[in-house]
Protein backbone atom coordinates (compact mmCIF):
# COMPACT_ATOMS: atom_id res chain seq x y z
CA UNK A 1 -16.96 92.83 32.09
CA UNK A 2 -18.68 91.46 28.99
CA UNK A 3 -19.45 92.76 25.48
CA UNK A 4 -22.30 91.87 23.15
CA UNK A 5 -21.61 90.53 19.67
CA UNK A 6 -25.36 90.31 19.19
CA UNK A 7 -27.37 92.72 17.04
CA UNK A 8 -26.73 94.54 13.79
CA UNK A 9 -23.50 93.93 11.84
CA UNK A 10 -22.44 97.51 12.56
CA UNK A 11 -23.03 97.14 16.29
CA UNK A 12 -21.06 93.88 16.34
CA UNK A 13 -18.23 95.47 14.38
CA UNK A 14 -18.12 98.48 16.69
CA UNK A 15 -17.86 96.20 19.73
CA UNK A 16 -15.12 94.04 18.19
CA UNK A 17 -13.13 97.00 16.91
CA UNK A 18 -13.31 98.80 20.25
CA UNK A 19 -11.93 95.82 22.15
CA UNK A 20 -9.29 94.71 19.64
CA UNK A 21 -8.16 97.95 17.96
CA UNK A 22 -4.50 97.67 19.02
CA UNK A 23 -4.05 94.14 17.68
CA UNK A 24 -5.99 94.95 14.50
CA UNK A 25 -3.61 97.81 13.72
CA UNK A 26 -0.60 95.65 14.62
CA UNK A 27 -1.62 92.64 12.52
CA UNK A 28 -2.79 94.70 9.54
CA UNK A 29 0.48 96.65 9.61
CA UNK A 30 2.52 93.43 9.64
CA UNK A 31 0.45 92.05 6.75
CA UNK A 32 1.02 95.18 4.67
CA UNK A 33 4.75 95.15 5.46
CA UNK A 34 4.93 91.54 4.28
CA UNK A 35 3.05 92.48 1.13
CA UNK A 36 5.39 95.39 0.38
CA UNK A 37 8.36 93.12 1.09
CA UNK A 38 7.31 91.09 -1.94
CA UNK A 39 7.59 94.20 -4.12
CA UNK A 40 3.82 94.68 -4.29
CA UNK A 41 1.75 97.77 -3.63
CA UNK A 42 -1.48 98.43 -1.76
CA UNK A 43 -3.15 98.87 -5.15
CA UNK A 44 -2.01 95.33 -6.05
CA UNK A 45 -3.55 94.04 -2.82
CA UNK A 46 -6.88 95.76 -3.47
CA UNK A 47 -6.96 94.49 -7.04
CA UNK A 48 -6.30 90.90 -5.98
CA UNK A 49 -8.96 91.11 -3.28
CA UNK A 50 -11.60 92.44 -5.69
CA UNK A 51 -13.25 89.11 -6.53
CA UNK A 52 -13.29 88.09 -2.87
CA UNK A 53 -15.15 91.30 -2.12
CA UNK A 54 -17.64 90.59 -4.90
CA UNK A 55 -18.25 87.10 -3.49
CA UNK A 56 -18.91 88.55 -0.03
CA UNK A 57 -21.38 91.00 -1.53
CA UNK A 58 -23.17 88.04 -3.11
CA UNK A 59 -23.00 85.58 -0.18
CA UNK A 60 -22.96 87.66 2.99
CA UNK A 61 -23.03 91.45 2.54
CA UNK A 62 -23.37 91.90 6.31
CA UNK A 63 -19.74 90.77 6.62
CA UNK A 64 -18.65 93.93 4.81
CA UNK A 65 -20.87 96.08 7.03
CA UNK A 66 -19.35 94.46 10.13
CA UNK A 67 -15.78 94.78 8.81
CA UNK A 68 -16.28 98.46 7.89
CA UNK A 69 -17.46 99.15 11.46
CA UNK A 70 -14.42 97.32 12.86
CA UNK A 71 -12.11 99.39 10.63
CA UNK A 72 -13.72 102.66 11.71
CA UNK A 73 -13.45 101.78 15.39
CA UNK A 74 -9.85 100.59 15.02
CA UNK A 75 -8.93 103.63 12.90
CA UNK A 76 -7.64 101.70 9.89
CA UNK A 77 -8.45 102.00 6.18
CA UNK A 78 -11.63 100.03 5.48
CA UNK A 79 -10.68 98.81 1.99
CA UNK A 80 -7.26 97.64 3.15
CA UNK A 81 -8.78 95.92 6.19
CA UNK A 82 -11.27 94.06 4.01
CA UNK A 83 -8.47 93.05 1.65
CA UNK A 84 -6.54 91.78 4.68
CA UNK A 85 -9.51 89.63 5.73
CA UNK A 86 -9.78 88.18 2.23
CA UNK A 87 -6.08 87.48 1.71
CA UNK A 88 -4.65 86.85 5.17
CA UNK A 89 -4.97 83.07 5.43
CA UNK A 90 -3.43 82.29 2.07
CA UNK A 91 -0.10 83.58 3.38
CA UNK A 92 -0.25 81.95 6.83
CA UNK A 93 1.44 78.56 6.80
CA UNK A 94 0.95 76.07 9.62
CA UNK A 95 0.77 72.36 10.24
CA UNK A 96 -2.48 70.43 10.00
CA UNK A 97 -4.91 70.95 12.87
CA UNK A 98 -6.54 68.06 14.75
CA UNK A 99 -10.33 67.61 14.61
CA UNK A 100 -12.29 64.57 15.78
CA UNK A 101 -15.89 63.58 16.55
CA UNK A 102 -17.93 60.96 18.36
CA UNK A 103 -21.60 60.19 17.63
CA UNK A 104 -24.28 57.59 18.25
CA UNK A 105 -23.38 54.55 20.31
CA UNK A 106 -19.81 55.78 20.73
CA UNK A 107 -20.95 58.46 23.18
CA UNK A 108 -21.85 58.00 26.83
CA UNK A 109 -25.27 59.68 26.69
CA UNK A 110 -26.14 60.10 23.01
CA UNK A 111 -25.06 63.74 22.82
CA UNK A 112 -23.02 64.32 19.62
CA UNK A 113 -19.47 65.49 20.33
CA UNK A 114 -16.99 67.53 18.29
CA UNK A 115 -13.47 68.72 19.04
CA UNK A 116 -10.69 70.69 17.37
CA UNK A 117 -7.17 71.71 18.39
CA UNK A 118 -6.03 74.62 16.25
CA UNK A 119 -2.37 74.70 15.16
CA UNK A 120 -1.03 77.93 13.72
CA UNK A 121 1.38 80.77 14.34
CA UNK A 122 1.41 82.48 17.73
CA UNK A 123 -1.29 85.17 17.57
CA UNK A 124 -3.74 86.27 20.25
CA UNK A 125 -6.87 84.12 20.15
CA UNK A 126 -10.49 85.00 20.91
CA UNK A 127 -13.50 82.91 21.85
CA UNK A 128 -16.92 84.50 21.46
CA UNK A 129 -20.68 84.22 21.06
CA UNK A 130 -21.95 85.93 17.88
CA UNK A 131 -25.62 86.41 16.95
CA UNK A 132 -26.08 88.71 13.95
CA UNK A 133 -29.47 90.26 13.29
CA UNK A 134 -30.34 91.44 9.77
CA UNK A 135 -33.94 92.33 8.79
CA UNK A 136 -35.69 89.65 6.70
CA UNK A 137 -32.69 87.32 6.81
CA UNK A 138 -32.11 84.17 8.85
CA UNK A 139 -28.56 84.09 10.24
CA UNK A 140 -27.68 81.39 12.75
CA UNK A 141 -26.04 82.39 15.99
CA UNK A 142 -22.81 80.56 16.83
CA UNK A 143 -19.93 80.20 19.25
CA UNK A 144 -16.46 80.20 17.71
CA UNK A 145 -12.76 80.91 18.05
CA UNK A 146 -10.38 82.89 15.86
CA UNK A 147 -7.68 85.56 15.76
CA UNK A 148 -8.52 88.79 17.59
CA UNK A 149 -7.70 90.85 14.49
CA UNK A 150 -10.08 89.30 11.96
CA UNK A 151 -13.57 87.83 11.53
CA UNK A 152 -12.71 84.35 10.26
CA UNK A 153 -14.03 81.26 12.04
CA UNK A 154 -11.58 78.49 12.97
CA UNK A 155 -14.02 76.13 14.70
CA UNK A 156 -17.60 76.63 15.70
CA UNK A 157 -20.94 75.28 16.88
CA UNK A 158 -24.18 77.01 15.91
CA UNK A 159 -27.63 77.31 17.45
CA UNK A 160 -28.98 74.41 15.39
CA UNK A 161 -26.35 72.12 16.89
CA UNK A 162 -24.06 71.99 13.84
CA UNK A 163 -20.37 72.02 14.82
CA UNK A 164 -17.46 72.14 12.42
CA UNK A 165 -13.90 72.96 11.46
CA UNK A 166 -11.96 73.70 8.28
CA UNK A 167 -8.37 72.46 8.53
CA UNK A 168 -5.28 72.69 6.36
CA UNK A 169 -4.93 69.68 4.09
CA UNK A 170 -2.31 68.37 1.69
CA UNK A 171 -0.92 70.36 -1.22
CA UNK A 172 -3.56 71.23 -3.82
CA UNK A 173 -3.10 70.15 -7.45
CA UNK A 174 -3.29 73.79 -8.54
CA UNK A 175 -2.87 77.16 -6.80
CA UNK A 176 -5.98 79.34 -6.74
CA UNK A 177 -6.51 82.61 -4.89
CA UNK A 178 -9.47 84.34 -6.50
CA UNK A 179 -12.03 83.65 -3.79
CA UNK A 180 -12.51 83.12 -0.05
CA UNK A 181 -10.32 81.10 2.27
CA UNK A 182 -11.78 78.34 4.43
CA UNK A 183 -12.28 80.41 7.65
CA UNK A 184 -14.93 82.35 5.73
CA UNK A 185 -16.39 79.24 4.14
CA UNK A 186 -16.76 77.90 7.68
CA UNK A 187 -18.33 81.15 8.88
CA UNK A 188 -20.88 80.97 6.05
CA UNK A 189 -21.76 77.40 7.03
CA UNK A 190 -22.04 78.44 10.69
CA UNK A 191 -24.51 81.16 9.74
CA UNK A 192 -26.56 79.29 7.12
CA UNK A 193 -26.42 75.49 7.59
CA UNK A 194 -28.29 73.34 10.10
CA UNK A 195 -27.12 69.81 9.26
CA UNK A 196 -24.13 67.91 7.93
CA UNK A 197 -25.99 67.39 4.64
CA UNK A 198 -26.41 71.15 4.24
CA UNK A 199 -22.77 71.70 5.14
CA UNK A 200 -21.73 69.27 2.39
CA UNK A 201 -24.05 70.97 -0.11
CA UNK A 202 -22.47 74.32 0.76
CA UNK A 203 -18.89 73.08 0.37
CA UNK A 204 -19.86 71.53 -2.99
CA UNK A 205 -21.49 74.79 -4.13
CA UNK A 206 -18.56 76.95 -3.06
CA UNK A 207 -16.15 74.62 -4.83
CA UNK A 208 -18.21 74.26 -8.03
CA UNK A 209 -18.72 78.02 -8.38
CA UNK A 210 -15.07 78.73 -7.54
CA UNK A 211 -16.03 80.78 -4.48
CA UNK A 212 -13.55 78.86 -2.33
CA UNK A 213 -9.87 79.60 -2.94
CA UNK A 214 -7.46 77.72 -0.70
CA UNK A 215 -4.27 78.89 -2.34
CA UNK A 216 -1.76 76.03 -2.33
CA UNK A 217 -3.66 73.71 0.05
CA UNK A 218 -6.70 71.48 0.18
CA UNK A 219 -9.11 71.72 3.12
CA UNK A 220 -10.16 68.96 5.51
CA UNK A 221 -13.66 69.79 6.80
CA UNK A 222 -15.22 67.99 9.76
CA UNK A 223 -18.84 68.45 10.89
CA UNK A 224 -21.21 67.03 13.52
CA UNK A 225 -24.92 67.86 13.84
CA UNK A 226 -27.68 67.51 16.41
CA UNK A 227 -29.12 64.41 14.72
CA UNK A 228 -25.93 62.51 15.56
CA UNK A 229 -24.42 62.58 12.07
CA UNK A 230 -20.72 63.24 11.50
CA UNK A 231 -19.17 64.19 8.16
CA UNK A 232 -15.64 64.49 6.85
CA UNK A 233 -15.03 66.28 3.54
CA UNK A 234 -11.80 66.84 1.63
CA UNK A 235 -11.95 69.64 -0.94
CA UNK A 236 -9.44 71.13 -3.32
CA UNK A 237 -9.77 74.40 -5.22
CA UNK A 238 -11.57 72.76 -8.12
CA UNK A 239 -13.32 69.62 -6.79
CA UNK A 240 -14.53 67.58 -3.85
CA UNK A 241 -11.84 64.95 -3.35
CA UNK A 242 -13.74 62.68 -0.93
CA UNK A 243 -16.40 62.68 1.79
CA UNK A 244 -17.69 60.28 4.43
CA UNK A 245 -20.78 60.23 6.66
CA UNK A 246 -21.11 58.20 9.85
CA UNK A 247 -24.00 57.94 12.31
CA UNK A 248 -22.27 55.95 15.02
CA UNK A 249 -18.61 55.78 15.98
CA UNK A 250 -15.64 58.12 15.85
CA UNK A 251 -14.30 60.19 12.97
CA UNK A 252 -10.88 61.89 12.73
CA UNK A 253 -9.60 64.37 10.18
CA UNK A 254 -6.02 63.16 10.63
CA UNK A 255 -4.17 60.50 12.59
CA UNK A 256 -2.29 61.43 15.75
CA UNK A 257 -0.34 58.80 17.64
CA UNK A 258 -2.55 57.13 20.23
CA UNK A 259 -5.63 59.30 19.61
CA UNK A 260 -7.70 56.75 17.72
CA UNK A 261 -6.81 54.12 20.31
CA UNK A 262 -8.08 56.33 23.15
CA UNK A 263 -11.34 57.03 21.34
CA UNK A 264 -11.93 53.47 20.10
CA UNK A 265 -11.02 52.10 23.50
CA UNK A 266 -13.75 54.17 25.13
CA UNK A 267 -16.60 53.59 22.67
CA UNK A 268 -19.84 53.84 24.58
CA UNK A 269 -18.19 55.96 27.26
CA UNK A 270 -17.00 59.00 25.32
CA UNK A 271 -18.14 62.31 26.80
CA UNK A 272 -16.96 65.89 26.60
CA UNK A 273 -14.52 65.41 29.43
CA UNK A 274 -12.80 62.55 27.61
CA UNK A 275 -12.64 64.62 24.40
CA UNK A 276 -10.89 67.37 26.33
CA UNK A 277 -8.57 64.87 27.97
CA UNK A 278 -7.67 63.50 24.53
CA UNK A 279 -6.94 67.06 23.36
CA UNK A 280 -4.17 67.24 25.96
CA UNK A 281 -2.30 64.16 24.76
CA UNK A 282 1.28 64.94 23.78
CA UNK A 283 0.64 63.87 20.18
CA UNK A 284 -2.40 66.18 19.93
CA UNK A 285 -1.48 69.26 22.00
CA UNK A 286 1.57 70.27 20.00
CA UNK A 287 3.98 73.18 20.38
CA UNK A 288 1.99 74.86 17.59
CA UNK A 289 -1.42 74.41 19.25
CA UNK A 290 -2.89 77.82 20.07
CA UNK A 291 -6.53 77.12 21.03
CA UNK A 292 -9.13 74.36 21.24
CA UNK A 293 -12.89 73.87 21.32
CA UNK A 294 -15.08 70.95 22.39
CA UNK A 295 -18.77 71.08 21.44
CA UNK A 296 -21.26 69.06 23.50
CA UNK A 297 -24.38 69.25 21.33
CA UNK A 298 -27.79 69.03 23.00
CA UNK A 299 -30.09 67.30 20.48
CA UNK A 300 -33.31 68.50 22.15
CA UNK A 301 -32.47 72.13 22.98
CA UNK A 302 -29.47 72.96 20.76
CA UNK A 303 -30.13 76.71 20.72
CA UNK A 304 -29.95 76.87 24.51
CA UNK A 305 -28.09 73.93 26.04
CA UNK A 306 -25.39 73.10 23.51
CA UNK A 307 -22.12 73.88 25.28
CA UNK A 308 -18.84 74.97 23.71
CA UNK A 309 -15.79 74.44 25.92
CA UNK A 310 -13.07 76.88 24.81
CA UNK A 311 -9.36 76.78 25.64
CA UNK A 312 -7.56 79.96 24.59
CA UNK A 313 -4.04 78.67 24.43
CA UNK A 314 -2.55 75.19 24.38
CA UNK A 315 -5.11 73.01 26.22
CA UNK A 316 -2.31 71.25 28.09
CA UNK A 317 -1.49 74.59 29.72
CA UNK A 318 -4.85 76.26 30.33
CA UNK A 319 -8.42 75.53 31.45
CA UNK A 320 -11.40 75.16 29.14
CA UNK A 321 -14.14 77.76 29.70
CA UNK A 322 -17.73 76.53 29.09
CA UNK A 323 -20.14 78.69 27.04
CA UNK A 324 -23.80 77.74 26.69
CA UNK A 325 -25.51 78.61 23.41
CA UNK A 326 -28.18 80.53 25.35
CA UNK A 327 -25.59 83.21 26.18
CA UNK A 328 -25.59 86.47 24.25
CA UNK A 329 -22.59 88.16 25.87
CA UNK A 330 -18.85 87.45 25.72
CA UNK A 331 -16.43 88.19 28.59
CA UNK A 332 -13.86 90.76 27.52
CA UNK A 333 -10.91 88.57 28.58
CA UNK A 334 -12.08 85.99 26.01
CA UNK A 335 -12.80 88.47 23.23
CA UNK A 336 -9.63 90.55 23.51
CA UNK A 337 -7.17 87.65 23.74
CA UNK A 338 -6.17 88.27 27.37
CA UNK A 339 -6.78 84.65 28.41
CA UNK A 340 -4.58 83.56 25.49
CA UNK A 341 -1.86 86.01 26.50
CA UNK A 342 -1.95 84.82 30.11
CA UNK A 343 -1.81 81.16 29.05
CA UNK A 344 1.37 81.90 27.10
CA UNK A 345 2.95 83.69 30.07
CA UNK A 346 2.14 81.63 33.16
CA UNK A 347 2.24 77.99 34.20
CA UNK A 348 -0.71 76.39 36.03
CA UNK A 349 -0.51 73.05 37.79
CA UNK A 350 -2.85 70.45 36.22
CA UNK A 351 -4.69 69.98 39.51
CA UNK A 352 -5.86 73.64 39.40
CA UNK A 353 -6.93 73.32 35.77
CA UNK A 354 -8.92 70.21 36.64
CA UNK A 355 -10.60 71.91 39.59
CA UNK A 356 -11.47 74.96 37.50
CA UNK A 357 -13.12 72.81 34.81
CA UNK A 358 -14.95 70.66 37.36
CA UNK A 359 -16.56 73.77 38.85
CA UNK A 360 -17.56 74.90 35.37
CA UNK A 361 -19.09 71.52 34.56
CA UNK A 362 -21.15 71.56 37.75
CA UNK A 363 -22.48 75.03 36.93
CA UNK A 364 -23.40 74.04 33.37
CA UNK A 365 -25.16 70.91 34.60
CA UNK A 366 -27.27 72.95 37.01
CA UNK A 367 -28.39 75.21 34.17
CA UNK A 368 -29.59 72.24 32.08
CA UNK A 369 -32.69 72.04 34.28
CA UNK A 370 -33.59 75.73 33.78
CA UNK A 371 -36.64 76.13 31.54
CA UNK A 372 -37.10 79.91 31.47
CA UNK A 373 -34.94 83.06 31.49
CA UNK A 374 -31.83 81.01 30.73
CA UNK A 375 -29.90 83.69 28.83
CA UNK A 376 -28.97 85.94 31.79
CA UNK A 377 -27.93 82.90 33.80
CA UNK A 378 -25.88 81.57 30.85
CA UNK A 379 -24.17 84.97 30.56
CA UNK A 380 -23.42 84.95 34.27
CA UNK A 381 -22.04 81.41 34.07
CA UNK A 382 -19.75 82.27 31.14
CA UNK A 383 -18.45 85.43 32.80
CA UNK A 384 -17.86 83.63 36.10
CA UNK A 385 -15.87 80.85 34.42
CA UNK A 386 -13.81 83.24 32.29
CA UNK A 387 -13.06 85.33 35.38
CA UNK A 388 -12.10 82.19 37.30
CA UNK A 389 -9.67 81.20 34.52
CA UNK A 390 -8.14 84.68 34.44
CA UNK A 391 -7.70 84.77 38.20
CA UNK A 392 -6.15 81.32 38.09
CA UNK A 393 -3.40 82.67 35.84
CA UNK A 394 -2.99 85.93 37.71
CA UNK A 395 -2.64 84.08 41.01
CA UNK A 396 0.49 82.25 39.83
CA UNK A 397 3.70 83.44 41.46
CA UNK A 398 6.19 83.25 38.60
CA UNK A 399 6.58 83.37 34.86
CA UNK A 400 6.59 79.87 33.39
CA UNK A 401 9.84 80.64 31.55
CA UNK A 402 11.59 81.72 34.72
CA UNK A 403 14.07 79.31 36.34
């Protein structure tokens, strides 16, 4: 079964809230308990979230409409839920995630490549296709991952072929919390930018106008676009620390033992399969890794044939599921975190993971020759691959923690 995160903000929010209501109530309740444990009240939370709400009203008012619909469907207080979205990621501490890219002559066939392993606390993860429609406004569709209980974007690729991530950096020179955290900066870029240059302009604008508020940490941004440009940006709460463009080669947001050697050693031969293989290295797939995404960007038909490969769980323990940008439906087991839950509960032999992904790759390759009516076939392909991954887990005979 699939759900559509395509249409009006309210319709998208209704769909998300219906599927994830239990986890939304659970995570919001835990957030409020943590807040009260600091001796603070709900009124304090709403007051501190006020400027973030004003920024959303200025930048992306449809986010509030979507969030209000989620809150109604999940039966939680709308103002508190919006305050949770604004403040959640300043209190979540994790190690730095791993993002890397390959473009130009480094790739096997010229298609720009992006990858991220997300490292964070153990919470159910979702992968989804979102295409918001608002009258008289251009909002890019995108494929992304994130927590099932919120609307932040952890890594994404949009229908113009821009892929990106926003990762935890080093300690910021000053603490600042009167704005939006980087998952919402990344969502804004997913919805509004088409190129690495536009992504950089947006990060600069958000930083200059104090719209971005990373709390105690800087952000490492990494982007790749359909032209074959890659960009790394480091931003703090008050300034852009550094940025770098490349148009051929590999770019990493942080060093992991052996990762650069694997990528540099395969220059000219790097493809999506190698990016996914690199994501499973012991120095990259860490105990804290909870999901991953590889974007294979199609420079000629990015809105249809760009493919996001999503692993909901540690990629060393679960298969990647391919999602073509032409799709406009999301399988429920990807949206509600079930694939993540299964990946944390069952062990799959690598040979079965490899076979599952090979079948998915063959199906995606067949669809690359389709010129018309691609969306229903892309939806069918995504559902079939998500179902295959779920059945792979459910066919295992024993819990992975059992002796």
